[in-house]
Amino acid sequence: MDSLLIITVLIVICALSFDFINGFHDTANAIATSVSTKALKPRHAIILAASMNFLGAMTFTGVAKTITKDIVDPFMLENGSTVILAALISAILWNLITWYYGIPSSSSHALIGSIAGAAIAAAGVGILNYSGFFKIIQALILSPIIAFVGGYIIYSIFKVVFRDNNLPKTNRRFRHFQVFTAALQSYTHGTNDAQKAMGIITMALIANNYQSTTDIQLWVQFSCAAAMGIGTSVGGWKIIKTVGGKIMKIRPVNGVAADLTSAAIIFGATFIHLPVSTTHVISSSILGVGASHRIRGVKWGTAQRMLITWVITLPISAAIAALAYFILDLFL
């Protein structure tokens, strides 16, 4: 077995590991509201999320193609195997650190920052595809803002529509409806997040001359979908506690408003082939709903801690990836 094939296999293993970690890291985002309101038992929520994540990942490939070609051009990337391997090591490391401390950071930020950092370390700032890269960054920045506003508006509408309804009965109905919104949220999560690993595997296949187009091969799509589904089945209880309870006290009507908002935004991004952070979108939706419900009821200290993590993820993951590249370059 030649060294190029060994490195390619190693990259595939690391990419699937990233998807697996992404699955249990981000499971909480899709099901935290339904678990915290007891609409679903934790075990049932995990099974539902894993199944819908897999289904969503098998449905689309547009985001994967964006990851493949819009950050750096894989056809122009010299020493591409080392760049991609360094990026994956960095993204996995940051995901594990934030998971360990229960911080709902962005796997998308970590991966995109890592690809950029490793590529710059290898070939300088000119290697970046600036039009595509800034389009991705704009989506990552704007999507949580839109989610906050959307959550605020949708819950405000709910307050007007259901103001004369009996609260216990309304909450009971919304609790049943949360099973659907949890499934929808998990499906949209799969349509966007699982594609990022598909894109980086395809980038490696192109860089190592195993394929000549940006099309996503079926085995790549299936393996990434399976890795995310299995990772989701493991769950991420530390982050469930943060997203589901430490931002605000969530009731079924709040949860439905947040779930519908975030699912719509994530799926909209998938439809136009843009990667977004499901963590950012879902947490921001909850913040928007909380601000609409009762602004004093939002635990802004937790929100501030999450915001700081979101801001530092891109530069830190880029720096870790650059360091990983220099170390790998000594041995590969």
C-alpha atoms as a PDB file:
ATOM      1  CA  MET A   1       0.000   0.000   0.000  1.00  0.00           C
ATOM      2  CA  ASP A   2       1.573   3.294  -1.100  1.00  0.00           C
ATOM      3  CA  SER A   3       1.985   6.203   1.303  1.00  0.00           C
ATOM      4  CA  LEU A   4      -0.556   8.435  -0.529  1.00  0.00           C
ATOM      5  CA  LEU A   5      -3.278   5.821  -0.120  1.00  0.00           C
ATOM      6  CA  ILE A   6      -2.404   5.359   3.566  1.00  0.00           C
ATOM      7  CA  ILE A   7      -2.699   9.118   4.173  1.00  0.00           C
ATOM      8  CA  THR A   8      -5.999   9.241   2.257  1.00  0.00           C
ATOM      9  CA  VAL A   9      -7.422   6.394   4.363  1.00  0.00           C
ATOM     10  CA  LEU A  10      -6.223   8.192   7.510  1.00  0.00           C
ATOM     11  CA  ILE A  11      -7.984  11.380   6.369  1.00  0.00           C
ATOM     12  CA  VAL A  12     -11.216   9.459   5.751  1.00  0.00           C
ATOM     13  CA  ILE A  13     -10.997   7.913   9.236  1.00  0.00           C
ATOM     14  CA  CYS A  14     -10.376  11.331  10.811  1.00  0.00           C
ATOM     15  CA  ALA A  15     -13.245  12.911   8.821  1.00  0.00           C
ATOM     16  CA  LEU A  16     -15.646  10.184   9.933  1.00  0.00           C
ATOM     17  CA  SER A  17     -14.377  10.622  13.505  1.00  0.00           C
ATOM     18  CA  PHE A  18     -15.132  14.351  13.194  1.00  0.00           C
ATOM     19  CA  ASP A  19     -18.660  13.510  12.018  1.00  0.00           C
ATOM     20  CA  PHE A  20     -19.096  11.046  14.882  1.00  0.00           C
ATOM     21  CA  ILE A  21     -17.936  13.655  17.417  1.00  0.00           C
ATOM     22  CA  ASN A  22     -20.098  16.274  15.693  1.00  0.00           C
ATOM     23  CA  GLY A  23     -23.038  13.893  16.158  1.00  0.00           C
ATOM     24  CA  PHE A  24     -22.725  13.564  19.922  1.00  0.00           C
ATOM     25  CA  HIS A  25     -21.482  17.170  20.299  1.00  0.00           C
ATOM     26  CA  ASP A  26     -24.479  18.642  18.475  1.00  0.00           C
ATOM     27  CA  THR A  27     -27.187  16.104  19.384  1.00  0.00           C
ATOM     28  CA  ALA A  28     -28.132  18.351  22.280  1.00  0.00           C
ATOM     29  CA  ASN A  29     -28.882  21.244  19.980  1.00  0.00           C
ATOM     30  CA  ALA A  30     -31.643  19.386  18.158  1.00  0.00           C
ATOM     31  CA  ILE A  31     -33.332  17.720  21.128  1.00  0.00           C
ATOM     32  CA  ALA A  32     -32.501  19.839  24.181  1.00  0.00           C
ATOM     33  CA  THR A  33     -35.800  21.733  24.171  1.00  0.00           C
ATOM     34  CA  SER A  34     -37.948  18.594  23.798  1.00  0.00           C
ATOM     35  CA  VAL A  35     -36.013  16.784  26.566  1.00  0.00           C
ATOM     36  CA  SER A  36     -36.109  19.761  28.952  1.00  0.00           C
ATOM     37  CA  THR A  37     -39.906  20.076  28.596  1.00  0.00           C
ATOM     38  CA  LYS A  38     -40.338  16.271  28.935  1.00  0.00           C
ATOM     39  CA  ALA A  39     -41.978  16.079  25.520  1.00  0.00           C
ATOM     40  CA  LEU A  40     -39.586  13.201  24.868  1.00  0.00           C
ATOM     41  CA  LYS A  41     -37.692  10.902  27.176  1.00  0.00           C
ATOM     42  CA  PRO A  42     -33.933  11.254  26.658  1.00  0.00           C
ATOM     43  CA  ARG A  43     -33.529   7.769  25.145  1.00  0.00           C
ATOM     44  CA  HIS A  44     -36.430   8.255  22.729  1.00  0.00           C
ATOM     45  CA  ALA A  45     -35.144  11.710  21.782  1.00  0.00           C
ATOM     46  CA  ILE A  46     -31.691  10.298  21.016  1.00  0.00           C
ATOM     47  CA  ILE A  47     -33.105   7.530  18.803  1.00  0.00           C
ATOM     48  CA  LEU A  48     -35.312  10.022  16.968  1.00  0.00           C
ATOM     49  CA  ALA A  49     -32.425  12.454  16.476  1.00  0.00           C
ATOM     50  CA  ALA A  50     -30.051   9.738  15.228  1.00  0.00           C
ATOM     51  CA  SER A  51     -32.568   8.448  12.678  1.00  0.00           C
ATOM     52  CA  MET A  52     -33.509  11.883  11.369  1.00  0.00           C
ATOM     53  CA  ASN A  53     -29.871  13.024  11.276  1.00  0.00           C
ATOM     54  CA  PHE A  54     -29.020  10.037   9.062  1.00  0.00           C
ATOM     55  CA  LEU A  55     -31.994  10.691   6.783  1.00  0.00           C
ATOM     56  CA  GLY A  56     -31.135  14.378   6.458  1.00  0.00           C
ATOM     57  CA  ALA A  57     -27.502  13.609   5.646  1.00  0.00           C
ATOM     58  CA  MET A  58     -28.552  11.286   2.809  1.00  0.00           C
ATOM     59  CA  THR A  59     -30.818  13.892   1.196  1.00  0.00           C
ATOM     60  CA  PHE A  60     -28.517  16.720   0.014  1.00  0.00           C
ATOM     61  CA  THR A  61     -24.911  17.350  -1.097  1.00  0.00           C
ATOM     62  CA  GLY A  62     -24.838  21.090  -1.938  1.00  0.00           C
ATOM     63  CA  VAL A  63     -23.194  22.158   1.330  1.00  0.00           C
ATOM     64  CA  ALA A  64     -20.551  19.449   0.883  1.00  0.00           C
ATOM     65  CA  LYS A  65     -19.602  20.899  -2.512  1.00  0.00           C
ATOM     66  CA  THR A  66     -19.314  24.356  -0.951  1.00  0.00           C
ATOM     67  CA  ILE A  67     -16.871  23.027   1.665  1.00  0.00           C
ATOM     68  CA  THR A  68     -14.919  21.215  -1.051  1.00  0.00           C
ATOM     69  CA  LYS A  69     -14.279  24.207  -3.302  1.00  0.00           C
ATOM     70  CA  ASP A  70     -15.186  27.536  -1.648  1.00  0.00           C
ATOM     71  CA  ILE A  71     -12.584  27.807   1.146  1.00  0.00           C
ATOM     72  CA  VAL A  72      -9.577  26.749  -0.915  1.00  0.00           C
ATOM     73  CA  ASP A  73      -9.371  25.325  -4.430  1.00  0.00           C
ATOM     74  CA  PRO A  74      -8.546  21.609  -3.977  1.00  0.00           C
ATOM     75  CA  PHE A  75      -7.151  21.447  -7.525  1.00  0.00           C
ATOM     76  CA  MET A  76      -4.553  24.124  -6.623  1.00  0.00           C
ATOM     77  CA  LEU A  77      -3.694  22.865  -3.149  1.00  0.00           C
ATOM     78  CA  GLU A  78      -0.150  21.552  -2.896  1.00  0.00           C
ATOM     79  CA  ASN A  79       0.619  19.240   0.005  1.00  0.00           C
ATOM     80  CA  GLY A  80      -3.144  18.895   0.294  1.00  0.00           C
ATOM     81  CA  SER A  81      -3.094  15.695   2.364  1.00  0.00           C
ATOM     82  CA  THR A  82      -1.115  17.342   5.161  1.00  0.00           C
ATOM     83  CA  VAL A  83      -3.328  20.446   5.082  1.00  0.00           C
ATOM     84  CA  ILE A  84      -6.545  18.432   5.339  1.00  0.00           C
ATOM     85  CA  LEU A  85      -5.210  16.098   8.025  1.00  0.00           C
ATOM     86  CA  ALA A  86      -4.021  19.063  10.123  1.00  0.00           C
ATOM     87  CA  ALA A  87      -7.437  20.733   9.751  1.00  0.00           C
ATOM     88  CA  LEU A  88      -9.251  17.618  10.922  1.00  0.00           C
ATOM     89  CA  ILE A  89      -6.961  17.130  13.924  1.00  0.00           C
ATOM     90  CA  SER A  90      -7.560  20.747  14.955  1.00  0.00           C
ATOM     91  CA  ALA A  91     -11.353  20.584  14.519  1.00  0.00           C
ATOM     92  CA  ILE A  92     -11.618  17.301  16.431  1.00  0.00           C
ATOM     93  CA  LEU A  93      -9.444  18.606  19.258  1.00  0.00           C
ATOM     94  CA  TRP A  94     -11.497  21.793  19.671  1.00  0.00           C
ATOM     95  CA  ASN A  95     -14.773  19.863  19.543  1.00  0.00           C
ATOM     96  CA  LEU A  96     -13.577  17.524  22.290  1.00  0.00           C
ATOM     97  CA  ILE A  97     -12.362  20.391  24.492  1.00  0.00           C
ATOM     98  CA  THR A  98     -15.674  22.281  24.245  1.00  0.00           C
ATOM     99  CA  TRP A  99     -17.701  19.071  24.681  1.00  0.00           C
ATOM    100  CA  TYR A 100     -15.748  18.207  27.836  1.00  0.00           C
ATOM    101  CA  TYR A 101     -16.561  21.592  29.376  1.00  0.00           C
ATOM    102  CA  GLY A 102     -20.182  21.486  28.180  1.00  0.00           C
ATOM    103  CA  ILE A 103     -19.816  24.555  25.977  1.00  0.00           C
ATOM    104  CA  PRO A 104     -22.078  24.565  22.880  1.00  0.00           C
ATOM    105  CA  SER A 105     -19.412  25.781  20.459  1.00  0.00           C
ATOM    106  CA  SER A 106     -19.638  25.548  16.688  1.00  0.00           C
ATOM    107  CA  SER A 107     -18.273  22.496  14.877  1.00  0.00           C
ATOM    108  CA  SER A 108     -18.703  24.469  11.651  1.00  0.00           C
ATOM    109  CA  HIS A 109     -16.529  27.328  12.885  1.00  0.00           C
ATOM    110  CA  ALA A 110     -13.939  24.837  14.092  1.00  0.00           C
ATOM    111  CA  LEU A 111     -13.737  22.999  10.758  1.00  0.00           C
ATOM    112  CA  ILE A 112     -13.781  26.084   8.535  1.00  0.00           C
ATOM    113  CA  GLY A 113     -11.257  27.923  10.702  1.00  0.00           C
ATOM    114  CA  SER A 114      -9.048  24.829  10.725  1.00  0.00           C
ATOM    115  CA  ILE A 115      -9.092  24.425   6.937  1.00  0.00           C
ATOM    116  CA  ALA A 116      -8.196  28.095   6.482  1.00  0.00           C
ATOM    117  CA  GLY A 117      -5.457  27.996   9.133  1.00  0.00           C
ATOM    118  CA  ALA A 118      -3.786  24.864   7.775  1.00  0.00           C
ATOM    119  CA  ALA A 119      -3.989  26.110   4.168  1.00  0.00           C
ATOM    120  CA  ILE A 120      -2.453  29.487   5.071  1.00  0.00           C
ATOM    121  CA  ALA A 121       0.344  27.722   6.966  1.00  0.00           C
ATOM    122  CA  ALA A 122       1.061  25.642   3.854  1.00  0.00           C
ATOM    123  CA  ALA A 123       0.775  28.238   1.098  1.00  0.00           C
ATOM    124  CA  GLY A 124       0.189  31.716   2.547  1.00  0.00           C
ATOM    125  CA  VAL A 125      -2.923  33.880   2.629  1.00  0.00           C
ATOM    126  CA  GLY A 126      -3.189  33.893  -1.172  1.00  0.00           C
ATOM    127  CA  ILE A 127      -4.382  30.281  -1.181  1.00  0.00           C
ATOM    128  CA  LEU A 128      -7.801  31.205   0.214  1.00  0.00           C
ATOM    129  CA  ASN A 129     -10.734  31.494  -2.172  1.00  0.00           C
ATOM    130  CA  TYR A 130     -11.763  34.849  -0.720  1.00  0.00           C
ATOM    131  CA  SER A 131     -15.138  35.221  -2.440  1.00  0.00           C
ATOM    132  CA  GLY A 132     -16.268  31.773  -1.300  1.00  0.00           C
ATOM    133  CA  PHE A 133     -14.631  32.029   2.124  1.00  0.00           C
ATOM    134  CA  PHE A 134     -16.252  35.371   2.975  1.00  0.00           C
ATOM    135  CA  LYS A 135     -19.619  34.104   1.711  1.00  0.00           C
ATOM    136  CA  ILE A 136     -19.347  31.271   4.224  1.00  0.00           C
ATOM    137  CA  ILE A 137     -18.263  33.632   7.024  1.00  0.00           C
ATOM    138  CA  GLN A 138     -21.204  35.938   6.253  1.00  0.00           C
ATOM    139  CA  ALA A 139     -23.596  32.989   6.566  1.00  0.00           C
ATOM    140  CA  LEU A 140     -22.027  31.974   9.882  1.00  0.00           C
ATOM    141  CA  ILE A 141     -22.351  35.522  11.247  1.00  0.00           C
ATOM    142  CA  LEU A 142     -25.796  36.424   9.907  1.00  0.00           C
ATOM    143  CA  SER A 143     -27.602  33.144  10.639  1.00  0.00           C
ATOM    144  CA  PRO A 144     -27.624  33.488  14.469  1.00  0.00           C
ATOM    145  CA  ILE A 145     -28.753  37.121  14.177  1.00  0.00           C
ATOM    146  CA  ILE A 146     -31.620  36.063  11.917  1.00  0.00           C
ATOM    147  CA  ALA A 147     -32.377  33.201  14.335  1.00  0.00           C
ATOM    148  CA  PHE A 148     -32.576  35.574  17.312  1.00  0.00           C
ATOM    149  CA  VAL A 149     -34.925  37.930  15.467  1.00  0.00           C
ATOM    150  CA  GLY A 150     -36.950  35.018  14.067  1.00  0.00           C
ATOM    151  CA  GLY A 151     -37.364  33.427  17.494  1.00  0.00           C
ATOM    152  CA  TYR A 152     -38.462  36.770  18.943  1.00  0.00           C
ATOM    153  CA  ILE A 153     -41.052  37.302  16.174  1.00  0.00           C
ATOM    154  CA  ILE A 154     -42.464  33.769  16.143  1.00  0.00           C
ATOM    155  CA  TYR A 155     -42.919  33.671  19.907  1.00  0.00           C
ATOM    156  CA  SER A 156     -44.485  37.140  19.815  1.00  0.00           C
ATOM    157  CA  ILE A 157     -47.007  35.810  17.292  1.00  0.00           C
ATOM    158  CA  PHE A 158     -47.678  32.790  19.531  1.00  0.00           C
ATOM    159  CA  LYS A 159     -48.365  35.100  22.472  1.00  0.00           C
ATOM    160  CA  VAL A 160     -51.006  36.968  20.459  1.00  0.00           C
ATOM    161  CA  VAL A 161     -52.638  33.894  18.883  1.00  0.00           C
ATOM    162  CA  PHE A 162     -52.810  31.833  22.096  1.00  0.00           C
ATOM    163  CA  ARG A 163     -53.311  34.611  24.659  1.00  0.00           C
ATOM    164  CA  ASP A 164     -56.874  33.510  25.506  1.00  0.00           C
ATOM    165  CA  ASN A 165     -56.090  29.796  25.715  1.00  0.00           C
ATOM    166  CA  ASN A 166     -55.882  27.783  28.912  1.00  0.00           C
ATOM    167  CA  LEU A 167     -52.132  27.603  29.672  1.00  0.00           C
ATOM    168  CA  PRO A 168     -51.927  23.964  30.931  1.00  0.00           C
ATOM    169  CA  LYS A 169     -53.942  22.683  27.939  1.00  0.00           C
ATOM    170  CA  THR A 170     -51.916  24.777  25.503  1.00  0.00           C
ATOM    171  CA  ASN A 171     -48.638  23.524  26.923  1.00  0.00           C
ATOM    172  CA  ARG A 172     -49.887  19.918  26.745  1.00  0.00           C
ATOM    173  CA  ARG A 173     -50.733  20.331  23.052  1.00  0.00           C
ATOM    174  CA  PHE A 174     -47.420  21.989  22.318  1.00  0.00           C
ATOM    175  CA  ARG A 175     -45.607  19.204  24.168  1.00  0.00           C
ATOM    176  CA  HIS A 176     -47.095  16.687  21.726  1.00  0.00           C
ATOM    177  CA  PHE A 177     -46.194  18.934  18.798  1.00  0.00           C
ATOM    178  CA  GLN A 178     -42.607  19.083  20.048  1.00  0.00           C
ATOM    179  CA  VAL A 179     -42.082  15.482  18.953  1.00  0.00           C
ATOM    180  CA  PHE A 180     -42.562  16.691  15.373  1.00  0.00           C
ATOM    181  CA  THR A 181     -40.394  19.786  15.774  1.00  0.00           C
ATOM    182  CA  ALA A 182     -37.584  17.724  17.370  1.00  0.00           C
ATOM    183  CA  ALA A 183     -37.694  15.362  14.388  1.00  0.00           C
ATOM    184  CA  LEU A 184     -37.710  18.299  11.966  1.00  0.00           C
ATOM    185  CA  GLN A 185     -34.821  19.953  13.765  1.00  0.00           C
ATOM    186  CA  SER A 186     -32.763  16.738  13.716  1.00  0.00           C
ATOM    187  CA  TYR A 187     -33.479  16.258  10.018  1.00  0.00           C
ATOM    188  CA  THR A 188     -32.335  19.781   9.116  1.00  0.00           C
ATOM    189  CA  HIS A 189     -29.247  19.304  11.314  1.00  0.00           C
ATOM    190  CA  GLY A 190     -28.332  16.269   9.203  1.00  0.00           C
ATOM    191  CA  THR A 191     -28.884  18.133   5.942  1.00  0.00           C
ATOM    192  CA  ASN A 192     -26.253  20.719   6.878  1.00  0.00           C
ATOM    193  CA  ASP A 193     -23.765  19.426   9.442  1.00  0.00           C
ATOM    194  CA  ALA A 194     -23.047  15.955   8.052  1.00  0.00           C
ATOM    195  CA  GLN A 195     -22.167  17.445   4.677  1.00  0.00           C
ATOM    196  CA  LYS A 196     -19.098  19.214   6.060  1.00  0.00           C
ATOM    197  CA  ALA A 197     -17.201  15.946   6.498  1.00  0.00           C
ATOM    198  CA  MET A 198     -18.391  14.827   3.052  1.00  0.00           C
ATOM    199  CA  GLY A 199     -16.851  17.976   1.617  1.00  0.00           C
ATOM    200  CA  ILE A 200     -13.492  17.507   3.308  1.00  0.00           C
ATOM    201  CA  ILE A 201     -13.229  13.842   2.238  1.00  0.00           C
ATOM    202  CA  THR A 202     -13.991  14.899  -1.335  1.00  0.00           C
ATOM    203  CA  MET A 203     -11.353  17.620  -1.049  1.00  0.00           C
ATOM    204  CA  ALA A 204      -8.809  14.953  -0.031  1.00  0.00           C
ATOM    205  CA  LEU A 205      -9.811  12.664  -2.904  1.00  0.00           C
ATOM    206  CA  ILE A 206      -9.289  15.533  -5.366  1.00  0.00           C
ATOM    207  CA  ALA A 207      -5.997  16.666  -3.804  1.00  0.00           C
ATOM    208  CA  ASN A 208      -4.668  13.086  -3.995  1.00  0.00           C
ATOM    209  CA  ASN A 209      -5.911  12.560  -7.572  1.00  0.00           C
ATOM    210  CA  TYR A 210      -8.525   9.925  -6.746  1.00  0.00           C
ATOM    211  CA  GLN A 211     -11.271  11.949  -8.431  1.00  0.00           C
ATOM    212  CA  SER A 212     -11.401  14.898 -10.815  1.00  0.00           C
ATOM    213  CA  THR A 213     -14.754  16.534 -10.029  1.00  0.00           C
ATOM    214  CA  THR A 214     -16.395  18.013  -6.926  1.00  0.00           C
ATOM    215  CA  ASP A 215     -19.244  15.482  -7.052  1.00  0.00           C
ATOM    216  CA  ILE A 216     -19.882  13.694  -3.752  1.00  0.00           C
ATOM    217  CA  GLN A 217     -19.559   9.932  -4.145  1.00  0.00           C
ATOM    218  CA  LEU A 218     -22.321   7.776  -2.676  1.00  0.00           C
ATOM    219  CA  TRP A 219     -19.978   5.868  -0.329  1.00  0.00           C
ATOM    220  CA  VAL A 220     -18.763   9.188   1.072  1.00  0.00           C
ATOM    221  CA  GLN A 221     -22.324  10.397   1.654  1.00  0.00           C
ATOM    222  CA  PHE A 222     -23.440   7.134   3.268  1.00  0.00           C
ATOM    223  CA  SER A 223     -20.405   6.748   5.541  1.00  0.00           C
ATOM    224  CA  CYS A 224     -20.668  10.356   6.786  1.00  0.00           C
ATOM    225  CA  ALA A 225     -24.408   9.992   7.382  1.00  0.00           C
ATOM    226  CA  ALA A 226     -23.807   6.764   9.317  1.00  0.00           C
ATOM    227  CA  ALA A 227     -20.983   8.289  11.387  1.00  0.00           C
ATOM    228  CA  MET A 228     -23.158  11.237  12.374  1.00  0.00           C
ATOM    229  CA  GLY A 229     -26.116   8.980  13.146  1.00  0.00           C
ATOM    230  CA  ILE A 230     -23.991   6.733  15.372  1.00  0.00           C
ATOM    231  CA  GLY A 231     -22.448   9.765  17.072  1.00  0.00           C
ATOM    232  CA  THR A 232     -25.899  11.182  17.677  1.00  0.00           C
ATOM    233  CA  SER A 233     -26.958   7.936  19.347  1.00  0.00           C
ATOM    234  CA  VAL A 234     -24.206   8.480  21.943  1.00  0.00           C
ATOM    235  CA  GLY A 235     -25.653  11.873  22.900  1.00  0.00           C
ATOM    236  CA  GLY A 236     -24.183  14.927  24.573  1.00  0.00           C
ATOM    237  CA  TRP A 237     -25.760  15.358  27.973  1.00  0.00           C
ATOM    238  CA  LYS A 238     -23.492  18.143  29.212  1.00  0.00           C
ATOM    239  CA  ILE A 239     -24.517  20.365  26.307  1.00  0.00           C
ATOM    240  CA  ILE A 240     -28.178  19.346  26.657  1.00  0.00           C
ATOM    241  CA  LYS A 241     -28.066  20.833  30.169  1.00  0.00           C
ATOM    242  CA  THR A 242     -26.617  24.104  28.834  1.00  0.00           C
ATOM    243  CA  VAL A 243     -28.876  24.533  25.798  1.00  0.00           C
ATOM    244  CA  GLY A 244     -31.983  23.101  27.462  1.00  0.00           C
ATOM    245  CA  GLY A 245     -31.852  24.785  30.839  1.00  0.00           C
ATOM    246  CA  LYS A 246     -29.054  27.254  31.418  1.00  0.00           C
ATOM    247  CA  ILE A 247     -30.173  29.769  28.779  1.00  0.00           C
ATOM    248  CA  MET A 248     -33.758  30.054  30.011  1.00  0.00           C
ATOM    249  CA  LYS A 249     -36.495  27.938  31.558  1.00  0.00           C
ATOM    250  CA  ILE A 250     -38.115  26.304  28.533  1.00  0.00           C
ATOM    251  CA  ARG A 251     -41.802  25.424  28.337  1.00  0.00           C
ATOM    252  CA  PRO A 252     -43.360  23.525  25.400  1.00  0.00           C
ATOM    253  CA  VAL A 253     -44.625  26.669  23.655  1.00  0.00           C
ATOM    254  CA  ASN A 254     -41.143  28.233  23.927  1.00  0.00           C
ATOM    255  CA  GLY A 255     -39.543  25.056  22.622  1.00  0.00           C
ATOM    256  CA  VAL A 256     -41.810  24.819  19.598  1.00  0.00           C
ATOM    257  CA  ALA A 257     -41.148  28.464  18.675  1.00  0.00           C
ATOM    258  CA  ALA A 258     -37.372  27.956  18.959  1.00  0.00           C
ATOM    259  CA  ASP A 259     -37.430  24.632  17.073  1.00  0.00           C
ATOM    260  CA  LEU A 260     -39.488  25.986  14.172  1.00  0.00           C
ATOM    261  CA  THR A 261     -37.275  29.062  13.866  1.00  0.00           C
ATOM    262  CA  SER A 262     -33.980  27.208  13.840  1.00  0.00           C
ATOM    263  CA  ALA A 263     -35.212  24.396  11.555  1.00  0.00           C
ATOM    264  CA  ALA A 264     -36.397  26.936   8.977  1.00  0.00           C
ATOM    265  CA  ILE A 265     -33.079  28.824   9.003  1.00  0.00           C
ATOM    266  CA  ILE A 266     -30.890  25.711   8.858  1.00  0.00           C
ATOM    267  CA  PHE A 267     -32.902  24.210   6.019  1.00  0.00           C
ATOM    268  CA  GLY A 268     -32.900  27.545   4.179  1.00  0.00           C
ATOM    269  CA  ALA A 269     -29.098  27.615   4.401  1.00  0.00           C
ATOM    270  CA  THR A 270     -28.899  24.021   3.151  1.00  0.00           C
ATOM    271  CA  PHE A 271     -31.164  24.914   0.236  1.00  0.00           C
ATOM    272  CA  ILE A 272     -28.761  27.655  -0.917  1.00  0.00           C
ATOM    273  CA  HIS A 273     -25.717  25.417  -0.251  1.00  0.00           C
ATOM    274  CA  LEU A 274     -24.295  27.382   2.677  1.00  0.00           C
ATOM    275  CA  PRO A 275     -22.862  25.809   5.842  1.00  0.00           C
ATOM    276  CA  VAL A 276     -24.145  27.358   9.057  1.00  0.00           C
ATOM    277  CA  SER A 277     -23.572  26.560  12.690  1.00  0.00           C
ATOM    278  CA  THR A 278     -26.539  24.611  14.006  1.00  0.00           C
ATOM    279  CA  THR A 279     -25.267  25.414  17.502  1.00  0.00           C
ATOM    280  CA  HIS A 280     -25.379  29.159  16.827  1.00  0.00           C
ATOM    281  CA  VAL A 281     -28.762  29.022  15.143  1.00  0.00           C
ATOM    282  CA  ILE A 282     -30.521  26.888  17.759  1.00  0.00           C
ATOM    283  CA  SER A 283     -29.059  28.707  20.774  1.00  0.00           C
ATOM    284  CA  SER A 284     -29.853  32.095  19.215  1.00  0.00           C
ATOM    285  CA  SER A 285     -33.419  31.004  18.503  1.00  0.00           C
ATOM    286  CA  ILE A 286     -33.835  30.098  22.174  1.00  0.00           C
ATOM    287  CA  LEU A 287     -32.373  33.469  23.188  1.00  0.00           C
ATOM    288  CA  GLY A 288     -34.793  35.269  20.846  1.00  0.00           C
ATOM    289  CA  VAL A 289     -37.759  33.346  22.234  1.00  0.00           C
ATOM    290  CA  GLY A 290     -36.580  34.046  25.782  1.00  0.00           C
ATOM    291  CA  ALA A 291     -36.214  37.765  25.111  1.00  0.00           C
ATOM    292  CA  SER A 292     -39.743  37.846  23.684  1.00  0.00           C
ATOM    293  CA  HIS A 293     -41.178  35.855  26.593  1.00  0.00           C
ATOM    294  CA  ARG A 294     -39.493  37.720  29.429  1.00  0.00           C
ATOM    295  CA  ILE A 295     -36.141  39.362  28.921  1.00  0.00           C
ATOM    296  CA  ARG A 296     -35.237  39.015  32.606  1.00  0.00           C
ATOM    297  CA  GLY A 297     -35.867  35.273  32.383  1.00  0.00           C
ATOM    298  CA  VAL A 298     -32.899  34.810  30.025  1.00  0.00           C
ATOM    299  CA  LYS A 299     -29.666  33.844  31.745  1.00  0.00           C
ATOM    300  CA  TRP A 300     -27.487  36.315  29.877  1.00  0.00           C
ATOM    301  CA  GLY A 301     -24.340  35.167  31.701  1.00  0.00           C
ATOM    302  CA  THR A 302     -24.585  31.792  29.952  1.00  0.00           C
ATOM    303  CA  ALA A 303     -25.309  33.559  26.663  1.00  0.00           C
ATOM    304  CA  GLN A 304     -22.225  35.739  27.119  1.00  0.00           C
ATOM    305  CA  ARG A 305     -20.048  32.691  27.800  1.00  0.00           C
ATOM    306  CA  MET A 306     -21.373  31.007  24.663  1.00  0.00           C
ATOM    307  CA  LEU A 307     -20.820  34.156  22.599  1.00  0.00           C
ATOM    308  CA  ILE A 308     -17.192  34.419  23.693  1.00  0.00           C
ATOM    309  CA  THR A 309     -16.632  30.777  22.707  1.00  0.00           C
ATOM    310  CA  TRP A 310     -18.236  31.383  19.324  1.00  0.00           C
ATOM    311  CA  VAL A 311     -15.994  34.410  18.677  1.00  0.00           C
ATOM    312  CA  ILE A 312     -12.741  32.696  19.635  1.00  0.00           C
ATOM    313  CA  THR A 313     -13.412  29.373  17.859  1.00  0.00           C
ATOM    314  CA  LEU A 314     -12.357  30.520  14.365  1.00  0.00           C
ATOM    315  CA  PRO A 315      -8.989  32.060  15.300  1.00  0.00           C
ATOM    316  CA  ILE A 316      -8.099  29.384  17.868  1.00  0.00           C
ATOM    317  CA  SER A 317      -8.944  26.488  15.559  1.00  0.00           C
ATOM    318  CA  ALA A 318      -6.990  28.194  12.749  1.00  0.00           C
ATOM    319  CA  ALA A 319      -3.951  28.569  15.025  1.00  0.00           C
ATOM    320  CA  ILE A 320      -4.160  24.944  16.206  1.00  0.00           C
ATOM    321  CA  ALA A 321      -4.443  23.765  12.587  1.00  0.00           C
ATOM    322  CA  ALA A 322      -1.421  25.823  11.528  1.00  0.00           C
ATOM    323  CA  LEU A 323       0.624  24.326  14.375  1.00  0.00           C
ATOM    324  CA  ALA A 324      -0.599  20.823  13.496  1.00  0.00           C
ATOM    325  CA  TYR A 325       0.400  21.412   9.865  1.00  0.00           C
ATOM    326  CA  PHE A 326       3.959  22.413  10.768  1.00  0.00           C
ATOM    327  CA  ILE A 327       4.317  19.343  13.013  1.00  0.00           C
ATOM    328  CA  LEU A 328       2.875  16.952  10.414  1.00  0.00           C
ATOM    329  CA  ASP A 329       4.999  18.475   7.677  1.00  0.00           C
ATOM    330  CA  LEU A 330       8.108  17.348   9.558  1.00  0.00           C
ATOM    331  CA  PHE A 331       7.020  13.696   9.419  1.00  0.00           C
ATOM    332  CA  LEU A 332       4.929  13.273   6.234  1.00  0.00           C
END
